[in-house]
């Protein structure tokens, strides 16, 4: 079975990046032990003071979908949405391997 990966950009409202980052890091903590979560990384973009990227690697798409209903996740999504000025590029990928990625099961 192929892994499921997402890489996506969002742009915070001016002055709200740190607040949005804090919420995304809370989400990262919530999904850290979720079934199938292999990586969930939040990045800032040095060339864009409001830009945030999230990289996710899941065992499969079903595990990703289930994570959206974990306790606390819908609440964080609801608190984050008003801080987002725009959702940018989003890519669905099939992660294969590399440093930090456990062998596929």
PDB file of N, CA and C in Angstrom:
ATOM      1  N   UNK A   1       0.851  -1.180   0.000  1.00  0.00           N
ATOM      2  CA  UNK A   1       0.000   0.000   0.000  1.00  0.00           C
ATOM      3  C   UNK A   1       0.896   1.242   0.000  1.00  0.00           C
ATOM      4  N   UNK A   2       0.549   2.211  -0.795  1.00  0.00           N
ATOM      5  CA  UNK A   2       1.329   3.441  -0.901  1.00  0.00           C
ATOM      6  C   UNK A   2       1.029   4.368   0.273  1.00  0.00           C
ATOM      7  N   UNK A   3       2.068   5.015   0.755  1.00  0.00           N
ATOM      8  CA  UNK A   3       1.881   6.045   1.773  1.00  0.00           C
ATOM      9  C   UNK A   3       1.106   7.214   1.169  1.00  0.00           C
ATOM     10  N   UNK A   4       0.594   8.059   2.058  1.00  0.00           N
ATOM     11  CA  UNK A   4      -0.136   9.254   1.649  1.00  0.00           C
ATOM     12  C   UNK A   4       0.609  10.462   2.198  1.00  0.00           C
ATOM     13  N   UNK A   5       0.937  11.397   1.332  1.00  0.00           N
ATOM     14  CA  UNK A   5       1.633  12.600   1.761  1.00  0.00           C
ATOM     15  C   UNK A   5       0.935  13.851   1.282  1.00  0.00           C
ATOM     16  N   UNK A   6       1.050  14.878   2.083  1.00  0.00           N
ATOM     17  CA  UNK A   6       0.518  16.198   1.729  1.00  0.00           C
ATOM     18  C   UNK A   6       1.583  17.241   2.017  1.00  0.00           C
ATOM     19  N   UNK A   7       1.701  18.191   1.122  1.00  0.00           N
ATOM     20  CA  UNK A   7       2.523  19.376   1.343  1.00  0.00           C
ATOM     21  C   UNK A   7       1.646  20.552   0.947  1.00  0.00           C
ATOM     22  N   UNK A   8       1.458  21.471   1.856  1.00  0.00           N
ATOM     23  CA  UNK A   8       0.584  22.592   1.545  1.00  0.00           C
ATOM     24  C   UNK A   8       1.049  23.884   2.178  1.00  0.00           C
ATOM     25  N   UNK A   9       0.711  24.968   1.501  1.00  0.00           N
ATOM     26  CA  UNK A   9       1.054  26.299   1.990  1.00  0.00           C
ATOM     27  C   UNK A   9      -0.207  27.043   2.397  1.00  0.00           C
ATOM     28  N   UNK A  10      -0.057  27.825   3.450  1.00  0.00           N
ATOM     29  CA  UNK A  10      -1.107  28.760   3.832  1.00  0.00           C
ATOM     30  C   UNK A  10      -0.451  30.089   4.145  1.00  0.00           C
ATOM     31  N   UNK A  11      -1.212  31.133   3.988  1.00  0.00           N
ATOM     32  CA  UNK A  11      -0.725  32.470   4.299  1.00  0.00           C
ATOM     33  C   UNK A  11      -1.555  33.010   5.451  1.00  0.00           C
ATOM     34  N   UNK A  12      -0.876  33.349   6.524  1.00  0.00           N
ATOM     35  CA  UNK A  12      -1.557  33.910   7.688  1.00  0.00           C
ATOM     36  C   UNK A  12      -1.946  35.358   7.411  1.00  0.00           C
ATOM     37  N   UNK A  13      -2.980  35.802   8.085  1.00  0.00           N
ATOM     38  CA  UNK A  13      -3.310  37.224   8.051  1.00  0.00           C
ATOM     39  C   UNK A  13      -2.115  38.004   8.596  1.00  0.00           C
ATOM     40  N   UNK A  14      -1.895  39.217   8.112  1.00  0.00           N
ATOM     41  CA  UNK A  14      -0.764  40.004   8.615  1.00  0.00           C
ATOM     42  C   UNK A  14      -0.779  40.079  10.147  1.00  0.00           C
ATOM     43  N   UNK A  15       0.371  39.795  10.734  1.00  0.00           N
ATOM     44  CA  UNK A  15       0.503  39.843  12.186  1.00  0.00           C
ATOM     45  C   UNK A  15      -0.009  38.625  12.922  1.00  0.00           C
ATOM     46  N   UNK A  16      -0.535  37.625  12.212  1.00  0.00           N
ATOM     47  CA  UNK A  16      -1.123  36.451  12.861  1.00  0.00           C
ATOM     48  C   UNK A  16      -0.310  35.168  12.678  1.00  0.00           C
ATOM     49  N   UNK A  17       0.860  35.268  12.026  1.00  0.00           N
ATOM     50  CA  UNK A  17       1.613  34.046  11.746  1.00  0.00           C
ATOM     51  C   UNK A  17       1.979  33.296  13.023  1.00  0.00           C
ATOM     52  N   UNK A  18       2.469  33.985  14.047  1.00  0.00           N
ATOM     53  CA  UNK A  18       2.892  33.289  15.258  1.00  0.00           C
ATOM     54  C   UNK A  18       1.722  32.606  15.958  1.00  0.00           C
ATOM     55  N   UNK A  19       0.569  33.244  15.955  1.00  0.00           N
ATOM     56  CA  UNK A  19      -0.620  32.629  16.556  1.00  0.00           C
ATOM     57  C   UNK A  19      -1.029  31.393  15.771  1.00  0.00           C
ATOM     58  N   UNK A  20      -1.015  31.497  14.442  1.00  0.00           N
ATOM     59  CA  UNK A  20      -1.351  30.354  13.600  1.00  0.00           C
ATOM     60  C   UNK A  20      -0.322  29.243  13.768  1.00  0.00           C
ATOM     61  N   UNK A  21       0.958  29.599  13.833  1.00  0.00           N
ATOM     62  CA  UNK A  21       1.998  28.592  14.062  1.00  0.00           C
ATOM     63  C   UNK A  21       1.754  27.839  15.361  1.00  0.00           C
ATOM     64  N   UNK A  22       1.407  28.555  16.412  1.00  0.00           N
ATOM     65  CA  UNK A  22       1.152  27.908  17.701  1.00  0.00           C
ATOM     66  C   UNK A  22       0.014  26.900  17.592  1.00  0.00           C
ATOM     67  N   UNK A  23      -1.042  27.253  16.873  1.00  0.00           N
ATOM     68  CA  UNK A  23      -2.160  26.321  16.688  1.00  0.00           C
ATOM     69  C   UNK A  23      -1.732  25.107  15.874  1.00  0.00           C
ATOM     70  N   UNK A  24      -0.953  25.324  14.818  1.00  0.00           N
ATOM     71  CA  UNK A  24      -0.495  24.206  13.992  1.00  0.00           C
ATOM     72  C   UNK A  24       0.438  23.288  14.775  1.00  0.00           C
ATOM     73  N   UNK A  25       1.250  23.848  15.649  1.00  0.00           N
ATOM     74  CA  UNK A  25       2.113  23.009  16.482  1.00  0.00           C
ATOM     75  C   UNK A  25       1.294  22.225  17.503  1.00  0.00           C
ATOM     76  N   UNK A  26       0.188  22.794  17.977  1.00  0.00           N
ATOM     77  CA  UNK A  26      -0.736  22.035  18.832  1.00  0.00           C
ATOM     78  C   UNK A  26      -1.324  20.867  18.052  1.00  0.00           C
ATOM     79  N   UNK A  27      -1.698  21.131  16.801  1.00  0.00           N
ATOM     80  CA  UNK A  27      -2.228  20.060  15.951  1.00  0.00           C
ATOM     81  C   UNK A  27      -1.178  18.979  15.750  1.00  0.00           C
ATOM     82  N   UNK A  28       0.070  19.381  15.540  1.00  0.00           N
ATOM     83  CA  UNK A  28       1.155  18.408  15.370  1.00  0.00           C
ATOM     84  C   UNK A  28       1.271  17.515  16.603  1.00  0.00           C
ATOM     85  N   UNK A  29       1.150  18.104  17.785  1.00  0.00           N
ATOM     86  CA  UNK A  29       1.197  17.309  19.015  1.00  0.00           C
ATOM     87  C   UNK A  29       0.023  16.341  19.097  1.00  0.00           C
ATOM     88  N   UNK A  30      -1.159  16.793  18.690  1.00  0.00           N
ATOM     89  CA  UNK A  30      -2.343  15.935  18.761  1.00  0.00           C
ATOM     90  C   UNK A  30      -2.246  14.733  17.831  1.00  0.00           C
ATOM     91  N   UNK A  31      -1.673  14.921  16.651  1.00  0.00           N
ATOM     92  CA  UNK A  31      -1.617  13.814  15.682  1.00  0.00           C
ATOM     93  C   UNK A  31      -0.336  12.992  15.797  1.00  0.00           C
ATOM     94  N   UNK A  32       0.598  13.413  16.646  1.00  0.00           N
ATOM     95  CA  UNK A  32       1.899  12.739  16.736  1.00  0.00           C
ATOM     96  C   UNK A  32       1.771  11.239  16.971  1.00  0.00           C
ATOM     97  N   UNK A  33       0.828  10.833  17.800  1.00  0.00           N
ATOM     98  CA  UNK A  33       0.646   9.413  18.106  1.00  0.00           C
ATOM     99  C   UNK A  33      -0.581   8.820  17.433  1.00  0.00           C
ATOM    100  N   UNK A  34      -1.142   9.539  16.480  1.00  0.00           N
ATOM    101  CA  UNK A  34      -2.319   9.034  15.758  1.00  0.00           C
ATOM    102  C   UNK A  34      -1.917   7.827  14.919  1.00  0.00           C
ATOM    103  N   UNK A  35      -2.807   6.866  14.796  1.00  0.00           N
ATOM    104  CA  UNK A  35      -2.495   5.716  13.946  1.00  0.00           C
ATOM    105  C   UNK A  35      -2.113   6.168  12.540  1.00  0.00           C
ATOM    106  N   UNK A  36      -0.959   5.704  12.080  1.00  0.00           N
ATOM    107  CA  UNK A  36      -0.531   5.967  10.716  1.00  0.00           C
ATOM    108  C   UNK A  36       0.224   7.256  10.492  1.00  0.00           C
ATOM    109  N   UNK A  37       0.348   8.112  11.515  1.00  0.00           N
ATOM    110  CA  UNK A  37       1.083   9.372  11.336  1.00  0.00           C
ATOM    111  C   UNK A  37       2.580   9.086  11.420  1.00  0.00           C
ATOM    112  N   UNK A  38       3.281   9.352  10.331  1.00  0.00           N
ATOM    113  CA  UNK A  38       4.725   9.126  10.294  1.00  0.00           C
ATOM    114  C   UNK A  38       5.504  10.433  10.388  1.00  0.00           C
ATOM    115  N   UNK A  39       4.957  11.501   9.850  1.00  0.00           N
ATOM    116  CA  UNK A  39       5.565  12.830   9.970  1.00  0.00           C
ATOM    117  C   UNK A  39       4.474  13.888   9.866  1.00  0.00           C
ATOM    118  N   UNK A  40       4.631  14.950  10.612  1.00  0.00           N
ATOM    119  CA  UNK A  40       3.724  16.106  10.540  1.00  0.00           C
ATOM    120  C   UNK A  40       4.574  17.297  10.937  1.00  0.00           C
ATOM    121  N   UNK A  41       5.029  18.049   9.964  1.00  0.00           N
ATOM    122  CA  UNK A  41       6.034  19.084  10.184  1.00  0.00           C
ATOM    123  C   UNK A  41       5.490  20.441   9.735  1.00  0.00           C
ATOM    124  N   UNK A  42       5.706  21.438  10.573  1.00  0.00           N
ATOM    125  CA  UNK A  42       5.297  22.809  10.275  1.00  0.00           C
ATOM    126  C   UNK A  42       6.559  23.603   9.934  1.00  0.00           C
ATOM    127  N   UNK A  43       6.498  24.359   8.844  1.00  0.00           N
ATOM    128  CA  UNK A  43       7.638  25.145   8.377  1.00  0.00           C
ATOM    129  C   UNK A  43       7.220  26.606   8.224  1.00  0.00           C
ATOM    130  N   UNK A  44       8.174  27.517   8.449  1.00  0.00           N
ATOM    131  CA  UNK A  44       7.975  28.906   8.049  1.00  0.00           C
ATOM    132  C   UNK A  44       8.736  29.120   6.745  1.00  0.00           C
ATOM    133  N   UNK A  45       8.373  30.190   6.065  1.00  0.00           N
ATOM    134  CA  UNK A  45       9.000  30.503   4.781  1.00  0.00           C
ATOM    135  C   UNK A  45       9.767  31.823   4.921  1.00  0.00           C
ATOM    136  N   UNK A  46      11.107  31.759   4.931  1.00  0.00           N
ATOM    137  CA  UNK A  46      11.895  32.970   5.156  1.00  0.00           C
ATOM    138  C   UNK A  46      11.597  34.114   4.180  1.00  0.00           C
ATOM    139  N   UNK A  47      11.209  33.789   2.965  1.00  0.00           N
ATOM    140  CA  UNK A  47      10.945  34.844   1.978  1.00  0.00           C
ATOM    141  C   UNK A  47       9.525  35.396   2.048  1.00  0.00           C
ATOM    142  N   UNK A  48       8.691  34.832   2.925  1.00  0.00           N
ATOM    143  CA  UNK A  48       7.307  35.286   3.064  1.00  0.00           C
ATOM    144  C   UNK A  48       6.984  35.361   4.551  1.00  0.00           C
ATOM    145  N   UNK A  49       6.922  36.555   5.136  1.00  0.00           N
ATOM    146  CA  UNK A  49       6.723  36.672   6.580  1.00  0.00           C
ATOM    147  C   UNK A  49       5.390  36.121   7.079  1.00  0.00           C
ATOM    148  N   UNK A  50       4.453  35.866   6.190  1.00  0.00           N
ATOM    149  CA  UNK A  50       3.162  35.309   6.588  1.00  0.00           C
ATOM    150  C   UNK A  50       2.982  33.870   6.104  1.00  0.00           C
ATOM    151  N   UNK A  51       3.978  33.326   5.406  1.00  0.00           N
ATOM    152  CA  UNK A  51       3.857  32.002   4.802  1.00  0.00           C
ATOM    153  C   UNK A  51       4.175  30.870   5.764  1.00  0.00           C
ATOM    154  N   UNK A  52       3.344  29.841   5.722  1.00  0.00           N
ATOM    155  CA  UNK A  52       3.522  28.628   6.524  1.00  0.00           C
ATOM    156  C   UNK A  52       3.279  27.435   5.608  1.00  0.00           C
ATOM    157  N   UNK A  53       4.126  26.440   5.722  1.00  0.00           N
ATOM    158  CA  UNK A  53       3.961  25.182   4.992  1.00  0.00           C
ATOM    159  C   UNK A  53       3.790  24.052   6.000  1.00  0.00           C
ATOM    160  N   UNK A  54       2.997  23.064   5.651  1.00  0.00           N
ATOM    161  CA  UNK A  54       2.848  21.857   6.464  1.00  0.00           C
ATOM    162  C   UNK A  54       3.143  20.660   5.573  1.00  0.00           C
ATOM    163  N   UNK A  55       3.978  19.761   6.101  1.00  0.00           N
ATOM    164  CA  UNK A  55       4.308  18.515   5.419  1.00  0.00           C
ATOM    165  C   UNK A  55       3.763  17.373   6.265  1.00  0.00           C
ATOM    166  N   UNK A  56       2.996  16.494   5.645  1.00  0.00           N
ATOM    167  CA  UNK A  56       2.430  15.349   6.359  1.00  0.00           C
ATOM    168  C   UNK A  56       2.774  14.068   5.622  1.00  0.00           C
ATOM    169  N   UNK A  57       3.099  13.018   6.378  1.00  0.00           N
ATOM    170  CA  UNK A  57       3.275  11.680   5.821  1.00  0.00           C
ATOM    171  C   UNK A  57       2.446  10.729   6.673  1.00  0.00           C
ATOM    172  N   UNK A  58       1.585   9.980   5.994  1.00  0.00           N
ATOM    173  CA  UNK A  58       0.680   9.035   6.646  1.00  0.00           C
ATOM    174  C   UNK A  58       0.844   7.651   6.028  1.00  0.00           C
ATOM    175  N   UNK A  59       0.543   6.644   6.818  1.00  0.00           N
ATOM    176  CA  UNK A  59       0.586   5.267   6.320  1.00  0.00           C
ATOM    177  C   UNK A  59      -0.331   5.121   5.116  1.00  0.00           C
ATOM    178  N   UNK A  60      -1.499   5.774   5.175  1.00  0.00           N
ATOM    179  CA  UNK A  60      -2.422   5.750   4.042  1.00  0.00           C
ATOM    180  C   UNK A  60      -3.412   6.902   4.175  1.00  0.00           C
ATOM    181  N   UNK A  61      -4.189   7.096   3.145  1.00  0.00           N
ATOM    182  CA  UNK A  61      -5.131   8.221   3.118  1.00  0.00           C
ATOM    183  C   UNK A  61      -6.222   8.084   4.174  1.00  0.00           C
ATOM    184  N   UNK A  62      -6.621   6.856   4.481  1.00  0.00           N
ATOM    185  CA  UNK A  62      -7.651   6.646   5.498  1.00  0.00           C
ATOM    186  C   UNK A  62      -7.180   7.126   6.870  1.00  0.00           C
ATOM    187  N   UNK A  63      -5.915   6.878   7.200  1.00  0.00           N
ATOM    188  CA  UNK A  63      -5.386   7.359   8.482  1.00  0.00           C
ATOM    189  C   UNK A  63      -5.391   8.885   8.528  1.00  0.00           C
ATOM    190  N   UNK A  64      -5.050   9.512   7.411  1.00  0.00           N
ATOM    191  CA  UNK A  64      -5.097  10.976   7.364  1.00  0.00           C
ATOM    192  C   UNK A  64      -6.524  11.465   7.597  1.00  0.00           C
ATOM    193  N   UNK A  65      -7.472  10.872   6.894  1.00  0.00           N
ATOM    194  CA  UNK A  65      -8.871  11.291   7.032  1.00  0.00           C
ATOM    195  C   UNK A  65      -9.349  11.118   8.472  1.00  0.00           C
ATOM    196  N   UNK A  66      -8.974  10.010   9.103  1.00  0.00           N
ATOM    197  CA  UNK A  66      -9.387   9.756  10.485  1.00  0.00           C
ATOM    198  C   UNK A  66      -8.788  10.788  11.443  1.00  0.00           C
ATOM    199  N   UNK A  67      -7.603  11.278  11.135  1.00  0.00           N
ATOM    200  CA  UNK A  67      -6.941  12.240  12.027  1.00  0.00           C
ATOM    201  C   UNK A  67      -7.719  13.544  12.145  1.00  0.00           C
ATOM    202  N   UNK A  68      -8.489  13.867  11.145  1.00  0.00           N
ATOM    203  CA  UNK A  68      -9.247  15.117  11.159  1.00  0.00           C
ATOM    204  C   UNK A  68     -10.370  15.105  12.186  1.00  0.00           C
ATOM    205  N   UNK A  69     -10.692  13.899  12.709  1.00  0.00           N
ATOM    206  CA  UNK A  69     -11.747  13.771  13.712  1.00  0.00           C
ATOM    207  C   UNK A  69     -11.211  13.480  15.106  1.00  0.00           C
ATOM    208  N   UNK A  70      -9.888  13.432  15.268  1.00  0.00           N
ATOM    209  CA  UNK A  70      -9.318  13.172  16.589  1.00  0.00           C
ATOM    210  C   UNK A  70      -9.747  14.253  17.571  1.00  0.00           C
ATOM    211  N   UNK A  71      -9.849  13.887  18.830  1.00  0.00           N
ATOM    212  CA  UNK A  71     -10.218  14.840  19.864  1.00  0.00           C
ATOM    213  C   UNK A  71      -9.310  16.067  19.804  1.00  0.00           C
ATOM    214  N   UNK A  72      -9.911  17.222  19.698  1.00  0.00           N
ATOM    215  CA  UNK A  72      -9.181  18.480  19.681  1.00  0.00           C
ATOM    216  C   UNK A  72      -8.845  19.013  18.304  1.00  0.00           C
ATOM    217  N   UNK A  73      -8.756  18.138  17.311  1.00  0.00           N
ATOM    218  CA  UNK A  73      -8.360  18.588  15.971  1.00  0.00           C
ATOM    219  C   UNK A  73      -9.419  19.487  15.338  1.00  0.00           C
ATOM    220  N   UNK A  74     -10.705  19.106  15.337  1.00  0.00           N
ATOM    221  CA  UNK A  74     -11.699  20.012  14.734  1.00  0.00           C
ATOM    222  C   UNK A  74     -11.721  21.390  15.409  1.00  0.00           C
ATOM    223  N   UNK A  75     -11.483  21.417  16.718  1.00  0.00           N
ATOM    224  CA  UNK A  75     -11.473  22.695  17.429  1.00  0.00           C
ATOM    225  C   UNK A  75     -10.289  23.558  16.975  1.00  0.00           C
ATOM    226  N   UNK A  76      -9.129  22.939  16.800  1.00  0.00           N
ATOM    227  CA  UNK A  76      -7.964  23.697  16.329  1.00  0.00           C
ATOM    228  C   UNK A  76      -8.206  24.212  14.914  1.00  0.00           C
ATOM    229  N   UNK A  77      -8.786  23.381  14.069  1.00  0.00           N
ATOM    230  CA  UNK A  77      -9.102  23.820  12.704  1.00  0.00           C
ATOM    231  C   UNK A  77     -10.025  25.037  12.756  1.00  0.00           C
ATOM    232  N   UNK A  78     -11.034  24.977  13.612  1.00  0.00           N
ATOM    233  CA  UNK A  78     -11.969  26.092  13.744  1.00  0.00           C
ATOM    234  C   UNK A  78     -11.312  27.366  14.241  1.00  0.00           C
ATOM    235  N   UNK A  79     -10.334  27.233  15.135  1.00  0.00           N
ATOM    236  CA  UNK A  79      -9.626  28.406  15.652  1.00  0.00           C
ATOM    237  C   UNK A  79      -8.614  28.938  14.645  1.00  0.00           C
ATOM    238  N   UNK A  80      -8.086  28.057  13.792  1.00  0.00           N
ATOM    239  CA  UNK A  80      -7.067  28.464  12.818  1.00  0.00           C
ATOM    240  C   UNK A  80      -7.670  29.157  11.598  1.00  0.00           C
ATOM    241  N   UNK A  81      -8.820  28.698  11.146  1.00  0.00           N
ATOM    242  CA  UNK A  81      -9.400  29.237   9.902  1.00  0.00           C
ATOM    243  C   UNK A  81      -9.470  30.758   9.851  1.00  0.00           C
ATOM    244  N   UNK A  82      -9.936  31.430  10.914  1.00  0.00           N
ATOM    245  CA  UNK A  82     -10.029  32.892  10.834  1.00  0.00           C
ATOM    246  C   UNK A  82      -8.670  33.596  10.749  1.00  0.00           C
ATOM    247  N   UNK A  83      -7.586  32.868  11.010  1.00  0.00           N
ATOM    248  CA  UNK A  83      -6.242  33.457  10.967  1.00  0.00           C
ATOM    249  C   UNK A  83      -5.578  33.291   9.605  1.00  0.00           C
ATOM    250  N   UNK A  84      -6.242  32.575   8.701  1.00  0.00           N
ATOM    251  CA  UNK A  84      -5.669  32.254   7.395  1.00  0.00           C
ATOM    252  C   UNK A  84      -6.200  33.224   6.347  1.00  0.00           C
ATOM    253  N   UNK A  85      -5.280  33.934   5.704  1.00  0.00           N
ATOM    254  CA  UNK A  85      -5.661  34.855   4.630  1.00  0.00           C
ATOM    255  C   UNK A  85      -5.906  34.100   3.335  1.00  0.00           C
ATOM    256  N   UNK A  86      -5.108  33.062   3.087  1.00  0.00           N
ATOM    257  CA  UNK A  86      -5.243  32.299   1.838  1.00  0.00           C
ATOM    258  C   UNK A  86      -4.632  30.917   2.004  1.00  0.00           C
ATOM    259  N   UNK A  87      -5.253  29.961   1.335  1.00  0.00           N
ATOM    260  CA  UNK A  87      -4.663  28.630   1.209  1.00  0.00           C
ATOM    261  C   UNK A  87      -3.951  28.618  -0.132  1.00  0.00           C
ATOM    262  N   UNK A  88      -2.680  28.279  -0.106  1.00  0.00           N
ATOM    263  CA  UNK A  88      -1.880  28.298  -1.325  1.00  0.00           C
ATOM    264  C   UNK A  88      -1.798  26.935  -1.972  1.00  0.00           C
ATOM    265  N   UNK A  89      -0.641  26.667  -2.513  1.00  0.00           N
ATOM    266  CA  UNK A  89      -0.424  25.407  -3.209  1.00  0.00           C
ATOM    267  C   UNK A  89      -0.615  24.231  -2.260  1.00  0.00           C
ATOM    268  N   UNK A  90      -1.114  23.134  -2.825  1.00  0.00           N
ATOM    269  CA  UNK A  90      -1.301  21.905  -2.051  1.00  0.00           C
ATOM    270  C   UNK A  90      -1.007  20.754  -2.988  1.00  0.00           C
ATOM    271  N   UNK A  91      -0.144  19.862  -2.516  1.00  0.00           N
ATOM    272  CA  UNK A  91       0.252  18.722  -3.328  1.00  0.00           C
ATOM    273  C   UNK A  91      -0.019  17.440  -2.561  1.00  0.00           C
ATOM    274  N   UNK A  92      -0.634  16.475  -3.230  1.00  0.00           N
ATOM    275  CA  UNK A  92      -0.799  15.133  -2.691  1.00  0.00           C
ATOM    276  C   UNK A  92       0.297  14.279  -3.303  1.00  0.00           C
ATOM    277  N   UNK A  93       1.033  13.578  -2.441  1.00  0.00           N
ATOM    278  CA  UNK A  93       2.202  12.832  -2.878  1.00  0.00           C
ATOM    279  C   UNK A  93       2.178  11.408  -2.340  1.00  0.00           C
ATOM    280  N   UNK A  94       3.051  10.556  -2.869  1.00  0.00           N
ATOM    281  CA  UNK A  94       3.273   9.207  -2.349  1.00  0.00           C
ATOM    282  C   UNK A  94       4.712   9.125  -1.856  1.00  0.00           C
ATOM    283  N   UNK A  95       4.941   9.394  -0.557  1.00  0.00           N
ATOM    284  CA  UNK A  95       6.295   9.318  -0.022  1.00  0.00           C
ATOM    285  C   UNK A  95       6.854   7.900  -0.165  1.00  0.00           C
ATOM    286  N   UNK A  96       8.112   7.813  -0.567  1.00  0.00           N
ATOM    287  CA  UNK A  96       8.736   6.518  -0.830  1.00  0.00           C
ATOM    288  C   UNK A  96       9.730   6.143   0.263  1.00  0.00           C
ATOM    289  N   UNK A  97      10.564   7.074   0.694  1.00  0.00           N
ATOM    290  CA  UNK A  97      11.544   6.756   1.720  1.00  0.00           C
ATOM    291  C   UNK A  97      12.569   7.849   1.847  1.00  0.00           C
ATOM    292  N   UNK A  98      13.486   7.661   2.777  1.00  0.00           N
ATOM    293  CA  UNK A  98      14.557   8.611   3.025  1.00  0.00           C
ATOM    294  C   UNK A  98      14.770   8.781   4.512  1.00  0.00           C
ATOM    295  N   UNK A  99      15.726   9.617   4.865  1.00  0.00           N
ATOM    296  CA  UNK A  99      16.054   9.839   6.267  1.00  0.00           C
ATOM    297  C   UNK A  99      14.829  10.337   7.032  1.00  0.00           C
ATOM    298  N   UNK A 100      14.590   9.728   8.173  1.00  0.00           N
ATOM    299  CA  UNK A 100      13.473  10.128   9.016  1.00  0.00           C
ATOM    300  C   UNK A 100      12.151   9.474   8.664  1.00  0.00           C
ATOM    301  N   UNK A 101      12.132   8.704   7.597  1.00  0.00           N
ATOM    302  CA  UNK A 101      10.895   8.038   7.191  1.00  0.00           C
ATOM    303  C   UNK A 101      11.074   6.540   7.405  1.00  0.00           C
ATOM    304  N   UNK A 102      10.284   5.949   8.289  1.00  0.00           N
ATOM    305  CA  UNK A 102      10.444   4.517   8.543  1.00  0.00           C
ATOM    306  C   UNK A 102      10.126   3.698   7.295  1.00  0.00           C
ATOM    307  N   UNK A 103      10.684   2.492   7.215  1.00  0.00           N
ATOM    308  CA  UNK A 103      10.356   1.640   6.066  1.00  0.00           C
ATOM    309  C   UNK A 103       8.844   1.432   5.964  1.00  0.00           C
ATOM    310  N   UNK A 104       8.341   1.366   4.749  1.00  0.00           N
ATOM    311  CA  UNK A 104       6.902   1.143   4.533  1.00  0.00           C
ATOM    312  C   UNK A 104       6.521  -0.220   5.081  1.00  0.00           C
ATOM    313  N   UNK A 105       5.324  -0.280   5.655  1.00  0.00           N
ATOM    314  CA  UNK A 105       4.866  -1.569   6.207  1.00  0.00           C
ATOM    315  C   UNK A 105       4.038  -2.324   5.204  1.00  0.00           C
TER     316      UNK A 105
END
